[in-house]
Amino acid sequence: MTAGGGLVARWYAPLLGGLLPILLLGFLASAVADRLVFVGWAFAFALLWTVLLRQGLEAGWEPRRRWGSLALLAAVGLAAFAGLAAVHREDLDLGVRAVFGVGA
């Protein structure tokens, strides 16, 4: 990776833009549902995001291929989150009702 403004646009922006929503979603779901499985999902997904981004940059992938790979990973990761949410649906529902006072 080269130094300068290109590094910010190619590495730091996608890293922050990908990790921040992933970790926030995982931590929030874990806090609401009182289940650590959501934090584990967030850490695993964040690790895969970082590794794929780094490998794409090191291999010299063009931006379309790099972003396409990251978008595919995001789709798979969010599908995994949906599966976890379906399994822990009752815990999430009770947590949302308790924390946000919805449906009381």
N, C-alpha and C. Protein backbone atom coordinates (compact mmCIF):
# COMPACT_ATOMS: atom_id res chain seq x y z
N MET A 1 0.84 -1.18 0.00
CA MET A 1 0.00 0.00 0.00
C MET A 1 0.88 1.23 0.00
N THR A 2 0.44 2.21 -0.71
CA THR A 2 1.23 3.42 -0.83
C THR A 2 0.78 4.44 0.21
N ALA A 3 1.68 5.36 0.52
CA ALA A 3 1.37 6.41 1.49
C ALA A 3 0.65 7.54 0.77
N GLY A 4 0.02 8.39 1.55
CA GLY A 4 -0.62 9.57 0.98
C GLY A 4 -2.13 9.47 1.00
N GLY A 5 -2.76 10.35 0.22
CA GLY A 5 -4.21 10.43 0.17
C GLY A 5 -4.87 9.18 -0.39
N GLY A 6 -4.19 8.46 -1.26
CA GLY A 6 -4.76 7.24 -1.80
C GLY A 6 -4.96 6.18 -0.74
N LEU A 7 -4.11 6.16 0.26
CA LEU A 7 -4.23 5.19 1.34
C LEU A 7 -5.49 5.43 2.15
N VAL A 8 -5.81 6.68 2.38
CA VAL A 8 -7.02 7.00 3.14
C VAL A 8 -8.25 6.54 2.37
N ALA A 9 -8.29 6.81 1.08
CA ALA A 9 -9.46 6.45 0.27
C ALA A 9 -9.56 4.95 0.04
N ARG A 10 -8.42 4.27 -0.08
CA ARG A 10 -8.46 2.84 -0.41
C ARG A 10 -8.48 1.94 0.81
N TRP A 11 -7.93 2.38 1.94
CA TRP A 11 -7.83 1.50 3.11
C TRP A 11 -8.69 1.99 4.27
N TYR A 12 -8.44 3.19 4.77
CA TYR A 12 -9.08 3.64 6.00
C TYR A 12 -10.58 3.90 5.84
N ALA A 13 -11.00 4.49 4.75
CA ALA A 13 -12.43 4.78 4.56
C ALA A 13 -13.25 3.49 4.46
N PRO A 14 -12.86 2.52 3.62
CA PRO A 14 -13.63 1.27 3.60
C PRO A 14 -13.53 0.48 4.90
N LEU A 15 -12.40 0.58 5.57
CA LEU A 15 -12.24 -0.12 6.84
C LEU A 15 -13.20 0.45 7.89
N LEU A 16 -13.19 1.75 8.04
CA LEU A 16 -14.07 2.39 9.01
C LEU A 16 -15.53 2.27 8.59
N GLY A 17 -15.80 2.47 7.31
CA GLY A 17 -17.17 2.38 6.80
C GLY A 17 -17.76 0.99 6.91
N GLY A 18 -16.93 -0.02 6.91
CA GLY A 18 -17.42 -1.38 7.06
C GLY A 18 -17.47 -1.84 8.50
N LEU A 19 -16.44 -1.52 9.27
CA LEU A 19 -16.37 -2.02 10.64
C LEU A 19 -17.33 -1.32 11.59
N LEU A 20 -17.53 -0.04 11.42
CA LEU A 20 -18.38 0.69 12.35
C LEU A 20 -19.82 0.16 12.38
N PRO A 21 -20.49 0.01 11.24
CA PRO A 21 -21.86 -0.53 11.30
C PRO A 21 -21.90 -1.98 11.78
N ILE A 22 -20.92 -2.78 11.39
CA ILE A 22 -20.88 -4.18 11.81
C ILE A 22 -20.80 -4.28 13.33
N LEU A 23 -19.84 -3.58 13.90
CA LEU A 23 -19.63 -3.66 15.35
C LEU A 23 -20.79 -3.03 16.12
N LEU A 24 -21.32 -1.92 15.64
CA LEU A 24 -22.46 -1.30 16.32
C LEU A 24 -23.68 -2.22 16.31
N LEU A 25 -23.96 -2.84 15.17
CA LEU A 25 -25.10 -3.75 15.10
C LEU A 25 -24.91 -4.95 16.02
N GLY A 26 -23.74 -5.53 16.02
CA GLY A 26 -23.48 -6.67 16.87
C GLY A 26 -23.54 -6.35 18.36
N PHE A 27 -22.94 -5.21 18.74
CA PHE A 27 -22.95 -4.83 20.15
C PHE A 27 -24.35 -4.43 20.61
N LEU A 28 -25.08 -3.72 19.78
CA LEU A 28 -26.43 -3.32 20.15
C LEU A 28 -27.35 -4.53 20.28
N ALA A 29 -27.27 -5.45 19.33
CA ALA A 29 -28.09 -6.66 19.41
C ALA A 29 -27.71 -7.49 20.62
N SER A 30 -26.43 -7.56 20.93
CA SER A 30 -26.00 -8.31 22.09
C SER A 30 -26.50 -7.68 23.38
N ALA A 31 -26.47 -6.36 23.45
CA ALA A 31 -26.94 -5.68 24.65
C ALA A 31 -28.44 -5.83 24.82
N VAL A 32 -29.18 -5.73 23.73
CA VAL A 32 -30.63 -5.82 23.81
C VAL A 32 -31.08 -7.24 24.11
N ALA A 33 -30.49 -8.22 23.44
CA ALA A 33 -30.91 -9.62 23.61
C ALA A 33 -30.22 -10.30 24.79
N ASP A 34 -29.18 -9.68 25.33
CA ASP A 34 -28.40 -10.28 26.41
C ASP A 34 -27.81 -11.62 25.97
N ARG A 35 -27.29 -11.67 24.76
CA ARG A 35 -26.66 -12.86 24.20
C ARG A 35 -25.32 -12.48 23.59
N LEU A 36 -24.26 -13.19 23.98
CA LEU A 36 -22.92 -12.90 23.46
C LEU A 36 -22.71 -13.40 22.04
N VAL A 37 -23.62 -14.20 21.53
CA VAL A 37 -23.46 -14.73 20.19
C VAL A 37 -23.42 -13.60 19.15
N PHE A 38 -24.12 -12.50 19.41
CA PHE A 38 -24.12 -11.38 18.47
C PHE A 38 -22.77 -10.65 18.46
N VAL A 39 -22.11 -10.58 19.60
CA VAL A 39 -20.77 -9.99 19.65
C VAL A 39 -19.79 -10.89 18.90
N GLY A 40 -19.92 -12.20 19.07
CA GLY A 40 -19.07 -13.13 18.33
C GLY A 40 -19.27 -12.99 16.83
N TRP A 41 -20.53 -12.83 16.41
CA TRP A 41 -20.82 -12.61 14.99
C TRP A 41 -20.13 -11.33 14.51
N ALA A 42 -20.23 -10.26 15.30
CA ALA A 42 -19.64 -8.98 14.90
C ALA A 42 -18.12 -9.08 14.77
N PHE A 43 -17.47 -9.75 15.73
CA PHE A 43 -16.02 -9.89 15.65
C PHE A 43 -15.59 -10.75 14.46
N ALA A 44 -16.30 -11.84 14.22
CA ALA A 44 -15.97 -12.71 13.08
C ALA A 44 -16.17 -11.97 11.76
N PHE A 45 -17.28 -11.26 11.65
CA PHE A 45 -17.58 -10.52 10.42
C PHE A 45 -16.56 -9.40 10.22
N ALA A 46 -16.20 -8.69 11.28
CA ALA A 46 -15.22 -7.62 11.18
C ALA A 46 -13.85 -8.16 10.77
N LEU A 47 -13.50 -9.31 11.31
CA LEU A 47 -12.23 -9.93 10.93
C LEU A 47 -12.21 -10.29 9.45
N LEU A 48 -13.28 -10.91 8.98
CA LEU A 48 -13.36 -11.28 7.56
C LEU A 48 -13.34 -10.04 6.66
N TRP A 49 -14.03 -8.98 7.08
CA TRP A 49 -14.06 -7.74 6.30
C TRP A 49 -12.65 -7.18 6.17
N THR A 50 -11.92 -7.13 7.28
CA THR A 50 -10.57 -6.57 7.28
C THR A 50 -9.61 -7.41 6.44
N VAL A 51 -9.69 -8.73 6.59
CA VAL A 51 -8.81 -9.62 5.83
C VAL A 51 -9.09 -9.52 4.33
N LEU A 52 -10.37 -9.51 3.95
CA LEU A 52 -10.71 -9.42 2.53
C LEU A 52 -10.27 -8.09 1.94
N LEU A 53 -10.47 -7.01 2.68
CA LEU A 53 -10.04 -5.70 2.19
C LEU A 53 -8.53 -5.66 2.02
N ARG A 54 -7.79 -6.16 2.99
CA ARG A 54 -6.33 -6.15 2.90
C ARG A 54 -5.83 -7.02 1.75
N GLN A 55 -6.41 -8.21 1.63
CA GLN A 55 -5.98 -9.10 0.55
C GLN A 55 -6.28 -8.49 -0.81
N GLY A 56 -7.43 -7.85 -0.93
CA GLY A 56 -7.77 -7.20 -2.20
C GLY A 56 -6.82 -6.08 -2.55
N LEU A 57 -6.42 -5.30 -1.56
CA LEU A 57 -5.48 -4.22 -1.81
C LEU A 57 -4.09 -4.75 -2.12
N GLU A 58 -3.66 -5.76 -1.38
CA GLU A 58 -2.32 -6.32 -1.61
C GLU A 58 -2.23 -7.03 -2.96
N ALA A 59 -3.32 -7.65 -3.38
CA ALA A 59 -3.32 -8.36 -4.66
C ALA A 59 -3.49 -7.41 -5.84
N GLY A 60 -3.83 -6.15 -5.56
CA GLY A 60 -3.97 -5.17 -6.63
C GLY A 60 -5.29 -5.28 -7.37
N TRP A 61 -6.32 -5.76 -6.70
CA TRP A 61 -7.63 -5.86 -7.35
C TRP A 61 -8.11 -4.47 -7.73
N GLU A 62 -8.78 -4.38 -8.86
CA GLU A 62 -9.38 -3.11 -9.25
C GLU A 62 -10.54 -2.81 -8.30
N PRO A 63 -10.93 -1.56 -8.17
CA PRO A 63 -11.96 -1.20 -7.19
C PRO A 63 -13.29 -1.95 -7.36
N ARG A 64 -13.70 -2.19 -8.60
CA ARG A 64 -14.98 -2.90 -8.79
C ARG A 64 -14.91 -4.31 -8.21
N ARG A 65 -13.83 -5.00 -8.41
CA ARG A 65 -13.68 -6.36 -7.88
C ARG A 65 -13.59 -6.34 -6.36
N ARG A 66 -12.85 -5.39 -5.83
CA ARG A 66 -12.70 -5.27 -4.38
C ARG A 66 -14.04 -4.96 -3.72
N TRP A 67 -14.77 -3.99 -4.24
CA TRP A 67 -16.07 -3.62 -3.66
C TRP A 67 -17.11 -4.71 -3.89
N GLY A 68 -17.03 -5.40 -5.02
CA GLY A 68 -17.95 -6.52 -5.25
C GLY A 68 -17.72 -7.64 -4.25
N SER A 69 -16.48 -7.92 -3.95
CA SER A 69 -16.16 -8.95 -2.95
C SER A 69 -16.64 -8.53 -1.57
N LEU A 70 -16.45 -7.28 -1.23
CA LEU A 70 -16.91 -6.79 0.06
C LEU A 70 -18.44 -6.78 0.15
N ALA A 71 -19.10 -6.46 -0.96
CA ALA A 71 -20.57 -6.48 -0.98
C ALA A 71 -21.09 -7.91 -0.82
N LEU A 72 -20.43 -8.86 -1.45
CA LEU A 72 -20.83 -10.26 -1.30
C LEU A 72 -20.62 -10.72 0.14
N LEU A 73 -19.51 -10.34 0.74
CA LEU A 73 -19.27 -10.68 2.14
C LEU A 73 -20.32 -10.03 3.04
N ALA A 74 -20.70 -8.79 2.75
CA ALA A 74 -21.73 -8.11 3.54
C ALA A 74 -23.06 -8.85 3.43
N ALA A 75 -23.40 -9.31 2.24
CA ALA A 75 -24.66 -10.04 2.07
C ALA A 75 -24.66 -11.34 2.86
N VAL A 76 -23.56 -12.07 2.82
CA VAL A 76 -23.45 -13.32 3.57
C VAL A 76 -23.47 -13.04 5.08
N GLY A 77 -22.75 -12.01 5.50
CA GLY A 77 -22.71 -11.67 6.92
C GLY A 77 -24.06 -11.23 7.46
N LEU A 78 -24.79 -10.44 6.69
CA LEU A 78 -26.11 -10.01 7.13
C LEU A 78 -27.12 -11.15 7.10
N ALA A 79 -26.94 -12.09 6.19
CA ALA A 79 -27.79 -13.29 6.20
C ALA A 79 -27.51 -14.12 7.45
N ALA A 80 -26.26 -14.20 7.85
CA ALA A 80 -25.92 -14.91 9.09
C ALA A 80 -26.53 -14.19 10.30
N PHE A 81 -26.51 -12.86 10.28
CA PHE A 81 -27.13 -12.11 11.37
C PHE A 81 -28.64 -12.37 11.41
N ALA A 82 -29.26 -12.41 10.25
CA ALA A 82 -30.69 -12.68 10.20
C ALA A 82 -31.00 -14.07 10.75
N GLY A 83 -30.13 -15.03 10.48
CA GLY A 83 -30.31 -16.37 11.03
C GLY A 83 -30.19 -16.36 12.55
N LEU A 84 -29.21 -15.63 13.06
CA LEU A 84 -29.07 -15.51 14.52
C LEU A 84 -30.27 -14.79 15.13
N ALA A 85 -30.74 -13.75 14.46
CA ALA A 85 -31.90 -13.02 14.96
C ALA A 85 -33.14 -13.90 14.97
N ALA A 86 -33.26 -14.78 13.99
CA ALA A 86 -34.41 -15.69 13.96
C ALA A 86 -34.35 -16.70 15.10
N VAL A 87 -33.16 -17.17 15.39
CA VAL A 87 -32.99 -18.12 16.49
C VAL A 87 -33.27 -17.46 17.84
N HIS A 88 -32.81 -16.22 18.01
CA HIS A 88 -32.95 -15.51 19.28
C HIS A 88 -34.04 -14.43 19.20
N ARG A 89 -35.06 -14.71 18.43
CA ARG A 89 -36.14 -13.75 18.17
C ARG A 89 -36.83 -13.30 19.46
N GLU A 90 -37.12 -14.23 20.34
CA GLU A 90 -37.83 -13.90 21.57
C GLU A 90 -36.98 -13.00 22.48
N ASP A 91 -35.69 -13.31 22.57
CA ASP A 91 -34.81 -12.50 23.40
C ASP A 91 -34.67 -11.08 22.85
N LEU A 92 -34.57 -10.97 21.53
CA LEU A 92 -34.49 -9.64 20.92
C LEU A 92 -35.78 -8.87 21.14
N ASP A 93 -36.91 -9.54 20.99
CA ASP A 93 -38.20 -8.88 21.17
C ASP A 93 -38.36 -8.37 22.60
N LEU A 94 -38.05 -9.21 23.57
CA LEU A 94 -38.17 -8.79 24.96
C LEU A 94 -37.19 -7.66 25.29
N GLY A 95 -35.99 -7.74 24.75
CA GLY A 95 -35.00 -6.70 24.99
C GLY A 95 -35.39 -5.37 24.40
N VAL A 96 -35.92 -5.38 23.19
CA VAL A 96 -36.36 -4.13 22.55
C VAL A 96 -37.51 -3.51 23.34
N ARG A 97 -38.44 -4.35 23.76
CA ARG A 97 -39.57 -3.85 24.56
C ARG A 97 -39.09 -3.26 25.88
N ALA A 98 -38.12 -3.89 26.52
CA ALA A 98 -37.63 -3.40 27.80
C ALA A 98 -36.79 -2.12 27.66
N VAL A 99 -35.93 -2.09 26.66
CA VAL A 99 -35.02 -0.94 26.51
C VAL A 99 -35.71 0.27 25.92
N PHE A 100 -36.50 0.06 24.87
CA PHE A 100 -37.08 1.20 24.15
C PHE A 100 -38.54 1.45 24.50
N GLY A 101 -39.16 0.56 25.28
CA GLY A 101 -40.55 0.76 25.68
C GLY A 101 -41.54 0.64 24.52
N VAL A 102 -41.20 -0.14 23.54
CA VAL A 102 -42.05 -0.31 22.36
C VAL A 102 -43.08 -1.40 22.63
N GLY A 103 -44.32 -1.17 22.26
CA GLY A 103 -45.36 -2.19 22.35
C GLY A 103 -45.83 -2.48 23.75
N ALA A 104 -45.61 -1.57 24.67
CA ALA A 104 -46.03 -1.81 26.05
C ALA A 104 -47.50 -1.54 26.25
